[in-house]
């Protein structure tokens, strides 16, 4: 059964969500300055599903949950729906805001085990094609389009951040867990 499970896991890594994450990462990589590092499909240490996008830079750490649905999207207390007509909505199969929030906690845990306990980690949902119609009750900010995401990242840059700090954060996410010494 292990071989079959491994085969399904390999196929899932090349599904629509993975392709969307790779496309979004490539676009962000082209549009952001060299001060930013974009990690597509980050594999957290807990061994569960990959985090689609992690952006590290002068703004700190931003976990991005891209969503490629078309049309008007609404969110009521983290339950998401696609509006198909006046008074008609269909639920989405999952909650991108809950996933973004949970992924941020997973990335924060990995940073903490890498020595960056107090590093703030934020999360957002980015709608690449859909339009947010009523998303005010989402637990994370919802951004419409990659242009708006780039503006969001650039607007939230902290003046005290350095390229060395960003690279150290990347090292904490990609390196082994650091143990405290007495």
C-alpha atoms as a PDB file:
ATOM      1  CA  UNK A   1       0.000   0.000   0.000  1.00  0.00           C
ATOM      2  CA  UNK A   2       2.932   2.333   0.654  1.00  0.00           C
ATOM      3  CA  UNK A   3       3.865   2.354  -3.044  1.00  0.00           C
ATOM      4  CA  UNK A   4       0.340   3.291  -4.057  1.00  0.00           C
ATOM      5  CA  UNK A   5       0.175   6.034  -1.435  1.00  0.00           C
ATOM      6  CA  UNK A   6       3.534   7.394  -2.637  1.00  0.00           C
ATOM      7  CA  UNK A   7       2.301   7.398  -6.231  1.00  0.00           C
ATOM      8  CA  UNK A   8      -0.829   9.339  -5.270  1.00  0.00           C
ATOM      9  CA  UNK A   9       1.257  11.816  -3.268  1.00  0.00           C
ATOM     10  CA  UNK A  10       3.510  12.370  -6.284  1.00  0.00           C
ATOM     11  CA  UNK A  11       0.490  12.971  -8.520  1.00  0.00           C
ATOM     12  CA  UNK A  12      -1.047  15.386  -5.995  1.00  0.00           C
ATOM     13  CA  UNK A  13       2.177  17.414  -6.064  1.00  0.00           C
ATOM     14  CA  UNK A  14       1.497  18.212  -9.721  1.00  0.00           C
ATOM     15  CA  UNK A  15      -2.201  19.027  -9.410  1.00  0.00           C
ATOM     16  CA  UNK A  16      -3.973  22.318 -10.076  1.00  0.00           C
ATOM     17  CA  UNK A  17      -3.118  23.781  -6.650  1.00  0.00           C
ATOM     18  CA  UNK A  18       0.575  23.010  -7.132  1.00  0.00           C
ATOM     19  CA  UNK A  19       0.596  24.508 -10.632  1.00  0.00           C
ATOM     20  CA  UNK A  20      -1.176  27.637  -9.350  1.00  0.00           C
ATOM     21  CA  UNK A  21       1.394  28.019  -6.564  1.00  0.00           C
ATOM     22  CA  UNK A  22       4.255  27.665  -9.038  1.00  0.00           C
ATOM     23  CA  UNK A  23       2.706  30.196 -11.452  1.00  0.00           C
ATOM     24  CA  UNK A  24       2.110  32.687  -8.631  1.00  0.00           C
ATOM     25  CA  UNK A  25       5.645  32.209  -7.293  1.00  0.00           C
ATOM     26  CA  UNK A  26       7.137  32.766 -10.754  1.00  0.00           C
ATOM     27  CA  UNK A  27       5.104  35.951 -11.213  1.00  0.00           C
ATOM     28  CA  UNK A  28       6.055  37.274  -7.785  1.00  0.00           C
ATOM     29  CA  UNK A  29       9.700  36.393  -8.401  1.00  0.00           C
ATOM     30  CA  UNK A  30       9.683  38.492 -11.573  1.00  0.00           C
ATOM     31  CA  UNK A  31       7.882  41.465 -10.059  1.00  0.00           C
ATOM     32  CA  UNK A  32       9.420  41.788  -6.601  1.00  0.00           C
ATOM     33  CA  UNK A  33      12.871  43.186  -5.916  1.00  0.00           C
ATOM     34  CA  UNK A  34      15.829  41.019  -4.936  1.00  0.00           C
ATOM     35  CA  UNK A  35      15.002  41.835  -1.290  1.00  0.00           C
ATOM     36  CA  UNK A  36      12.262  39.194  -1.438  1.00  0.00           C
ATOM     37  CA  UNK A  37      12.548  35.425  -1.550  1.00  0.00           C
ATOM     38  CA  UNK A  38       9.525  33.462  -2.741  1.00  0.00           C
ATOM     39  CA  UNK A  39       9.226  29.807  -1.749  1.00  0.00           C
ATOM     40  CA  UNK A  40       6.686  27.792  -3.740  1.00  0.00           C
ATOM     41  CA  UNK A  41       5.251  24.613  -2.237  1.00  0.00           C
ATOM     42  CA  UNK A  42       7.159  24.853   1.033  1.00  0.00           C
ATOM     43  CA  UNK A  43       7.276  21.447   2.767  1.00  0.00           C
ATOM     44  CA  UNK A  44       6.777  22.035   6.499  1.00  0.00           C
ATOM     45  CA  UNK A  45       8.496  19.851   9.054  1.00  0.00           C
ATOM     46  CA  UNK A  46       5.214  18.359  10.254  1.00  0.00           C
ATOM     47  CA  UNK A  47       5.143  16.238   7.090  1.00  0.00           C
ATOM     48  CA  UNK A  48       1.623  17.201   6.025  1.00  0.00           C
ATOM     49  CA  UNK A  49       0.545  19.051   2.867  1.00  0.00           C
ATOM     50  CA  UNK A  50       2.832  21.647   1.329  1.00  0.00           C
ATOM     51  CA  UNK A  51       2.259  25.344   1.960  1.00  0.00           C
ATOM     52  CA  UNK A  52       1.581  26.904  -1.470  1.00  0.00           C
ATOM     53  CA  UNK A  53       3.577  30.155  -1.100  1.00  0.00           C
ATOM     54  CA  UNK A  54       5.813  31.695   1.524  1.00  0.00           C
ATOM     55  CA  UNK A  55       7.197  35.160   0.815  1.00  0.00           C
ATOM     56  CA  UNK A  56      10.118  36.373   2.927  1.00  0.00           C
ATOM     57  CA  UNK A  57      11.398  39.905   2.705  1.00  0.00           C
ATOM     58  CA  UNK A  58      11.424  43.359   4.210  1.00  0.00           C
ATOM     59  CA  UNK A  59       7.814  42.880   5.309  1.00  0.00           C
ATOM     60  CA  UNK A  60       8.713  39.770   7.321  1.00  0.00           C
ATOM     61  CA  UNK A  61       7.038  36.466   6.480  1.00  0.00           C
ATOM     62  CA  UNK A  62       3.815  36.243   4.503  1.00  0.00           C
ATOM     63  CA  UNK A  63       2.053  32.934   3.883  1.00  0.00           C
ATOM     64  CA  UNK A  64      -0.080  33.184   0.742  1.00  0.00           C
ATOM     65  CA  UNK A  65      -3.006  30.936  -0.123  1.00  0.00           C
ATOM     66  CA  UNK A  66      -3.710  31.496  -3.850  1.00  0.00           C
ATOM     67  CA  UNK A  67      -7.201  30.717  -5.110  1.00  0.00           C
ATOM     68  CA  UNK A  68      -7.998  30.468  -8.829  1.00  0.00           C
ATOM     69  CA  UNK A  69     -11.813  30.401  -8.733  1.00  0.00           C
ATOM     70  CA  UNK A  70     -13.688  32.628 -11.160  1.00  0.00           C
ATOM     71  CA  UNK A  71     -16.593  34.885 -10.356  1.00  0.00           C
ATOM     72  CA  UNK A  72     -17.770  36.531  -7.181  1.00  0.00           C
ATOM     73  CA  UNK A  73     -16.640  34.888  -3.953  1.00  0.00           C
ATOM     74  CA  UNK A  74     -18.133  35.464  -0.526  1.00  0.00           C
ATOM     75  CA  UNK A  75     -16.966  34.403   2.911  1.00  0.00           C
ATOM     76  CA  UNK A  76     -19.155  34.191   5.980  1.00  0.00           C
ATOM     77  CA  UNK A  77     -17.225  33.314   9.143  1.00  0.00           C
ATOM     78  CA  UNK A  78     -14.613  31.450   7.097  1.00  0.00           C
ATOM     79  CA  UNK A  79     -17.161  29.468   5.088  1.00  0.00           C
ATOM     80  CA  UNK A  80     -16.604  30.279   1.407  1.00  0.00           C
ATOM     81  CA  UNK A  81     -19.140  30.356  -1.408  1.00  0.00           C
ATOM     82  CA  UNK A  82     -19.169  31.143  -5.121  1.00  0.00           C
ATOM     83  CA  UNK A  83     -22.033  33.464  -5.971  1.00  0.00           C
ATOM     84  CA  UNK A  84     -23.720  32.222  -9.109  1.00  0.00           C
ATOM     85  CA  UNK A  85     -26.663  34.598  -9.256  1.00  0.00           C
ATOM     86  CA  UNK A  86     -28.818  36.902  -7.185  1.00  0.00           C
ATOM     87  CA  UNK A  87     -29.391  35.093  -3.919  1.00  0.00           C
ATOM     88  CA  UNK A  88     -27.718  31.914  -5.198  1.00  0.00           C
ATOM     89  CA  UNK A  89     -24.401  30.675  -3.828  1.00  0.00           C
ATOM     90  CA  UNK A  90     -22.585  27.354  -3.925  1.00  0.00           C
ATOM     91  CA  UNK A  91     -20.170  26.351  -1.150  1.00  0.00           C
ATOM     92  CA  UNK A  92     -16.511  25.816  -1.975  1.00  0.00           C
ATOM     93  CA  UNK A  93     -15.081  22.467  -0.972  1.00  0.00           C
ATOM     94  CA  UNK A  94     -12.708  24.031   1.525  1.00  0.00           C
ATOM     95  CA  UNK A  95     -11.948  27.295   3.316  1.00  0.00           C
ATOM     96  CA  UNK A  96      -8.912  29.104   1.886  1.00  0.00           C
ATOM     97  CA  UNK A  97      -8.856  31.484   4.860  1.00  0.00           C
ATOM     98  CA  UNK A  98      -8.742  28.645   7.395  1.00  0.00           C
ATOM     99  CA  UNK A  99      -6.024  26.929   5.355  1.00  0.00           C
ATOM    100  CA  UNK A 100      -3.980  30.154   5.140  1.00  0.00           C
ATOM    101  CA  UNK A 101      -4.297  30.676   8.891  1.00  0.00           C
ATOM    102  CA  UNK A 102      -3.283  27.071   9.652  1.00  0.00           C
ATOM    103  CA  UNK A 103      -0.373  27.215   7.193  1.00  0.00           C
ATOM    104  CA  UNK A 104       0.916  30.396   8.839  1.00  0.00           C
ATOM    105  CA  UNK A 105       0.932  28.591  12.198  1.00  0.00           C
ATOM    106  CA  UNK A 106       2.896  25.713  10.640  1.00  0.00           C
ATOM    107  CA  UNK A 107       5.470  28.085   9.109  1.00  0.00           C
ATOM    108  CA  UNK A 108       5.725  29.959  12.425  1.00  0.00           C
ATOM    109  CA  UNK A 109       6.436  26.668  14.190  1.00  0.00           C
ATOM    110  CA  UNK A 110       9.196  25.838  11.711  1.00  0.00           C
ATOM    111  CA  UNK A 111      10.738  29.290  12.140  1.00  0.00           C
ATOM    112  CA  UNK A 112      10.609  28.902  15.922  1.00  0.00           C
ATOM    113  CA  UNK A 113      12.365  25.533  15.736  1.00  0.00           C
ATOM    114  CA  UNK A 114      14.949  27.224  13.494  1.00  0.00           C
ATOM    115  CA  UNK A 115      15.757  29.834  16.140  1.00  0.00           C
ATOM    116  CA  UNK A 116      13.343  32.637  15.167  1.00  0.00           C
ATOM    117  CA  UNK A 117      10.771  32.339  17.945  1.00  0.00           C
ATOM    118  CA  UNK A 118       9.497  35.919  17.832  1.00  0.00           C
ATOM    119  CA  UNK A 119       9.277  36.347  14.063  1.00  0.00           C
ATOM    120  CA  UNK A 120       5.778  37.476  13.068  1.00  0.00           C
ATOM    121  CA  UNK A 121       4.129  35.433  10.346  1.00  0.00           C
ATOM    122  CA  UNK A 122       1.101  36.852   8.529  1.00  0.00           C
ATOM    123  CA  UNK A 123      -1.202  35.148   6.062  1.00  0.00           C
ATOM    124  CA  UNK A 124      -3.477  36.210   3.200  1.00  0.00           C
ATOM    125  CA  UNK A 125      -5.747  34.688   0.592  1.00  0.00           C
ATOM    126  CA  UNK A 126      -5.088  35.895  -2.962  1.00  0.00           C
ATOM    127  CA  UNK A 127      -7.829  35.577  -5.535  1.00  0.00           C
ATOM    128  CA  UNK A 128      -6.049  35.332  -8.874  1.00  0.00           C
ATOM    129  CA  UNK A 129      -9.210  35.473 -11.018  1.00  0.00           C
ATOM    130  CA  UNK A 130     -12.230  35.783  -8.747  1.00  0.00           C
ATOM    131  CA  UNK A 131     -13.562  38.924  -7.146  1.00  0.00           C
ATOM    132  CA  UNK A 132     -14.126  39.269  -3.411  1.00  0.00           C
ATOM    133  CA  UNK A 133     -17.738  40.314  -3.042  1.00  0.00           C
ATOM    134  CA  UNK A 134     -18.267  39.988   0.710  1.00  0.00           C
ATOM    135  CA  UNK A 135     -15.234  38.639   2.528  1.00  0.00           C
ATOM    136  CA  UNK A 136     -15.205  40.835   5.622  1.00  0.00           C
ATOM    137  CA  UNK A 137     -15.596  37.923   8.017  1.00  0.00           C
ATOM    138  CA  UNK A 138     -12.522  36.058   6.765  1.00  0.00           C
ATOM    139  CA  UNK A 139      -9.957  35.372   9.508  1.00  0.00           C
ATOM    140  CA  UNK A 140      -7.186  36.597   7.170  1.00  0.00           C
ATOM    141  CA  UNK A 141      -7.042  39.475   4.673  1.00  0.00           C
ATOM    142  CA  UNK A 142      -8.297  38.706   1.165  1.00  0.00           C
ATOM    143  CA  UNK A 143      -6.466  40.322  -1.758  1.00  0.00           C
ATOM    144  CA  UNK A 144      -7.817  40.472  -5.318  1.00  0.00           C
ATOM    145  CA  UNK A 145      -5.089  39.863  -7.896  1.00  0.00           C
ATOM    146  CA  UNK A 146      -1.332  39.588  -8.049  1.00  0.00           C
ATOM    147  CA  UNK A 147      -0.922  43.332  -8.634  1.00  0.00           C
ATOM    148  CA  UNK A 148      -2.619  44.016  -5.311  1.00  0.00           C
ATOM    149  CA  UNK A 149      -0.452  41.392  -3.597  1.00  0.00           C
ATOM    150  CA  UNK A 150       2.730  43.041  -4.869  1.00  0.00           C
ATOM    151  CA  UNK A 151       1.449  46.434  -3.650  1.00  0.00           C
ATOM    152  CA  UNK A 152       0.565  44.881  -0.284  1.00  0.00           C
ATOM    153  CA  UNK A 153       4.052  43.424   0.117  1.00  0.00           C
ATOM    154  CA  UNK A 154       5.787  46.645  -0.864  1.00  0.00           C
ATOM    155  CA  UNK A 155       3.544  48.794   1.354  1.00  0.00           C
ATOM    156  CA  UNK A 156       4.220  46.708   4.460  1.00  0.00           C
ATOM    157  CA  UNK A 157       8.022  46.758   4.263  1.00  0.00           C
ATOM    158  CA  UNK A 158       9.757  47.435   7.564  1.00  0.00           C
ATOM    159  CA  UNK A 159      12.680  49.860   7.432  1.00  0.00           C
ATOM    160  CA  UNK A 160      14.705  47.840   9.985  1.00  0.00           C
ATOM    161  CA  UNK A 161      14.778  44.666   7.878  1.00  0.00           C
ATOM    162  CA  UNK A 162      17.897  43.524   6.055  1.00  0.00           C
ATOM    163  CA  UNK A 163      18.721  41.085   3.287  1.00  0.00           C
ATOM    164  CA  UNK A 164      20.861  39.109   5.742  1.00  0.00           C
ATOM    165  CA  UNK A 165      17.862  38.686   8.062  1.00  0.00           C
ATOM    166  CA  UNK A 166      15.714  37.478   5.162  1.00  0.00           C
ATOM    167  CA  UNK A 167      18.371  34.936   4.183  1.00  0.00           C
ATOM    168  CA  UNK A 168      18.623  33.792   7.803  1.00  0.00           C
ATOM    169  CA  UNK A 169      14.856  33.167   7.804  1.00  0.00           C
ATOM    170  CA  UNK A 170      15.198  31.087   4.628  1.00  0.00           C
ATOM    171  CA  UNK A 171      17.969  29.130   6.340  1.00  0.00           C
ATOM    172  CA  UNK A 172      15.733  28.521   9.357  1.00  0.00           C
ATOM    173  CA  UNK A 173      13.004  27.129   7.109  1.00  0.00           C
ATOM    174  CA  UNK A 174      15.310  24.965   5.032  1.00  0.00           C
ATOM    175  CA  UNK A 175      17.879  23.940   7.627  1.00  0.00           C
ATOM    176  CA  UNK A 176      17.765  21.431  10.485  1.00  0.00           C
ATOM    177  CA  UNK A 177      16.022  22.161  13.774  1.00  0.00           C
ATOM    178  CA  UNK A 178      18.261  24.065  16.196  1.00  0.00           C
ATOM    179  CA  UNK A 179      18.434  22.802  19.754  1.00  0.00           C
ATOM    180  CA  UNK A 180      18.859  25.184  22.658  1.00  0.00           C
ATOM    181  CA  UNK A 181      22.204  24.855  24.418  1.00  0.00           C
ATOM    182  CA  UNK A 182      22.701  25.366  28.113  1.00  0.00           C
END
